[in-house]
């Protein structure tokens, strides 16, 4: 029973990682490299949006995703009884 619980926990953890890393890939690689020319037609705070994604946006999104991951994992730990409390 504990083995099944651990596998479910790990499966959800991998699902969270896949979702968050996919978002980061889209923001950093797709928006920052592949779509940079199309996004440069849009301005954000005086800067071209493609440039912003390449220089700042992917970093900001990565930091936000870290906090989202911590929040999700704290909830997951409580759900499966792995929290420290």
C-alpha atoms as a PDB file:
ATOM      1  CA  UNK A   1       0.000   0.000   0.000  1.00  0.00           C
ATOM      2  CA  UNK A   2       2.792   2.436   0.858  1.00  0.00           C
ATOM      3  CA  UNK A   3       4.525   1.570  -2.418  1.00  0.00           C
ATOM      4  CA  UNK A   4       1.382   2.482  -4.389  1.00  0.00           C
ATOM      5  CA  UNK A   5       1.085   5.735  -2.457  1.00  0.00           C
ATOM      6  CA  UNK A   6       4.715   6.611  -3.208  1.00  0.00           C
ATOM      7  CA  UNK A   7       4.226   5.866  -6.921  1.00  0.00           C
ATOM      8  CA  UNK A   8       1.138   8.093  -7.074  1.00  0.00           C
ATOM      9  CA  UNK A   9       3.042  10.851  -5.278  1.00  0.00           C
ATOM     10  CA  UNK A  10       5.957  10.592  -7.703  1.00  0.00           C
ATOM     11  CA  UNK A  11       3.614  10.466 -10.700  1.00  0.00           C
ATOM     12  CA  UNK A  12       1.924  13.706  -9.647  1.00  0.00           C
ATOM     13  CA  UNK A  13       5.309  15.293  -8.972  1.00  0.00           C
ATOM     14  CA  UNK A  14       6.470  14.411 -12.500  1.00  0.00           C
ATOM     15  CA  UNK A  15       3.224  15.779 -13.930  1.00  0.00           C
ATOM     16  CA  UNK A  16       3.812  19.088 -12.120  1.00  0.00           C
ATOM     17  CA  UNK A  17       7.393  19.226 -13.384  1.00  0.00           C
ATOM     18  CA  UNK A  18       6.282  18.499 -16.947  1.00  0.00           C
ATOM     19  CA  UNK A  19       3.681  21.268 -16.865  1.00  0.00           C
ATOM     20  CA  UNK A  20       6.005  23.863 -15.372  1.00  0.00           C
ATOM     21  CA  UNK A  21       8.992  23.026 -17.565  1.00  0.00           C
ATOM     22  CA  UNK A  22       6.755  23.110 -20.637  1.00  0.00           C
ATOM     23  CA  UNK A  23       5.623  26.616 -19.705  1.00  0.00           C
ATOM     24  CA  UNK A  24       9.225  27.687 -19.202  1.00  0.00           C
ATOM     25  CA  UNK A  25      10.215  26.149 -22.550  1.00  0.00           C
ATOM     26  CA  UNK A  26       7.419  28.012 -24.315  1.00  0.00           C
ATOM     27  CA  UNK A  27       8.382  31.319 -22.749  1.00  0.00           C
ATOM     28  CA  UNK A  28      12.156  31.029 -23.045  1.00  0.00           C
ATOM     29  CA  UNK A  29      12.666  29.105 -26.283  1.00  0.00           C
ATOM     30  CA  UNK A  30       9.527  29.627 -28.339  1.00  0.00           C
ATOM     31  CA  UNK A  31       8.828  33.256 -27.391  1.00  0.00           C
ATOM     32  CA  UNK A  32      12.463  34.242 -26.844  1.00  0.00           C
ATOM     33  CA  UNK A  33      13.986  32.606 -29.928  1.00  0.00           C
ATOM     34  CA  UNK A  34      11.520  31.166 -32.438  1.00  0.00           C
ATOM     35  CA  UNK A  35       8.846  33.875 -32.367  1.00  0.00           C
ATOM     36  CA  UNK A  36      11.134  36.791 -31.598  1.00  0.00           C
ATOM     37  CA  UNK A  37      10.596  38.516 -34.951  1.00  0.00           C
ATOM     38  CA  UNK A  38       6.799  38.348 -34.709  1.00  0.00           C
ATOM     39  CA  UNK A  39       6.816  39.451 -31.068  1.00  0.00           C
ATOM     40  CA  UNK A  40       9.143  42.366 -31.795  1.00  0.00           C
ATOM     41  CA  UNK A  41       6.205  44.074 -33.524  1.00  0.00           C
ATOM     42  CA  UNK A  42       4.626  44.501 -30.072  1.00  0.00           C
ATOM     43  CA  UNK A  43       6.105  46.892 -27.516  1.00  0.00           C
ATOM     44  CA  UNK A  44       6.160  46.392 -23.736  1.00  0.00           C
ATOM     45  CA  UNK A  45       7.366  49.322 -21.647  1.00  0.00           C
ATOM     46  CA  UNK A  46       9.160  50.789 -24.629  1.00  0.00           C
ATOM     47  CA  UNK A  47      10.965  47.552 -25.475  1.00  0.00           C
ATOM     48  CA  UNK A  48      10.205  45.079 -28.223  1.00  0.00           C
ATOM     49  CA  UNK A  49       8.308  42.121 -26.739  1.00  0.00           C
ATOM     50  CA  UNK A  50      10.572  39.503 -28.358  1.00  0.00           C
ATOM     51  CA  UNK A  51      13.623  41.210 -26.905  1.00  0.00           C
ATOM     52  CA  UNK A  52      11.911  41.426 -23.502  1.00  0.00           C
ATOM     53  CA  UNK A  53      11.124  37.688 -23.490  1.00  0.00           C
ATOM     54  CA  UNK A  54      14.683  36.847 -24.472  1.00  0.00           C
ATOM     55  CA  UNK A  55      16.308  39.132 -21.893  1.00  0.00           C
ATOM     56  CA  UNK A  56      13.905  39.383 -18.959  1.00  0.00           C
ATOM     57  CA  UNK A  57      10.679  37.464 -19.455  1.00  0.00           C
ATOM     58  CA  UNK A  58      12.067  33.952 -19.258  1.00  0.00           C
ATOM     59  CA  UNK A  59      13.887  34.786 -16.024  1.00  0.00           C
ATOM     60  CA  UNK A  60      10.781  36.306 -14.433  1.00  0.00           C
ATOM     61  CA  UNK A  61       8.635  33.384 -15.525  1.00  0.00           C
ATOM     62  CA  UNK A  62      11.192  30.908 -14.158  1.00  0.00           C
ATOM     63  CA  UNK A  63      11.167  32.602 -10.738  1.00  0.00           C
ATOM     64  CA  UNK A  64       7.351  32.600 -10.673  1.00  0.00           C
ATOM     65  CA  UNK A  65       7.341  28.915 -11.666  1.00  0.00           C
ATOM     66  CA  UNK A  66       9.639  28.126  -8.729  1.00  0.00           C
ATOM     67  CA  UNK A  67       7.094  29.612  -6.330  1.00  0.00           C
ATOM     68  CA  UNK A  68       4.243  27.784  -8.063  1.00  0.00           C
ATOM     69  CA  UNK A  69       6.173  24.502  -7.765  1.00  0.00           C
ATOM     70  CA  UNK A  70       6.845  25.063  -4.060  1.00  0.00           C
ATOM     71  CA  UNK A  71       3.163  25.772  -3.467  1.00  0.00           C
ATOM     72  CA  UNK A  72       2.032  22.705  -5.432  1.00  0.00           C
ATOM     73  CA  UNK A  73       4.547  20.466  -3.674  1.00  0.00           C
ATOM     74  CA  UNK A  74       3.518  21.692  -0.230  1.00  0.00           C
ATOM     75  CA  UNK A  75      -0.084  20.792  -1.070  1.00  0.00           C
ATOM     76  CA  UNK A  76       1.000  17.441  -2.494  1.00  0.00           C
ATOM     77  CA  UNK A  77       3.097  16.681   0.587  1.00  0.00           C
ATOM     78  CA  UNK A  78       0.118  17.375   2.831  1.00  0.00           C
ATOM     79  CA  UNK A  79      -2.173  15.280   0.638  1.00  0.00           C
ATOM     80  CA  UNK A  80       0.115  12.241   0.864  1.00  0.00           C
ATOM     81  CA  UNK A  81       1.262  12.776   4.446  1.00  0.00           C
ATOM     82  CA  UNK A  82       4.855  13.707   3.649  1.00  0.00           C
ATOM     83  CA  UNK A  83       4.703  17.148   5.213  1.00  0.00           C
ATOM     84  CA  UNK A  84       6.876  17.952   8.218  1.00  0.00           C
ATOM     85  CA  UNK A  85       4.028  18.936  10.521  1.00  0.00           C
END
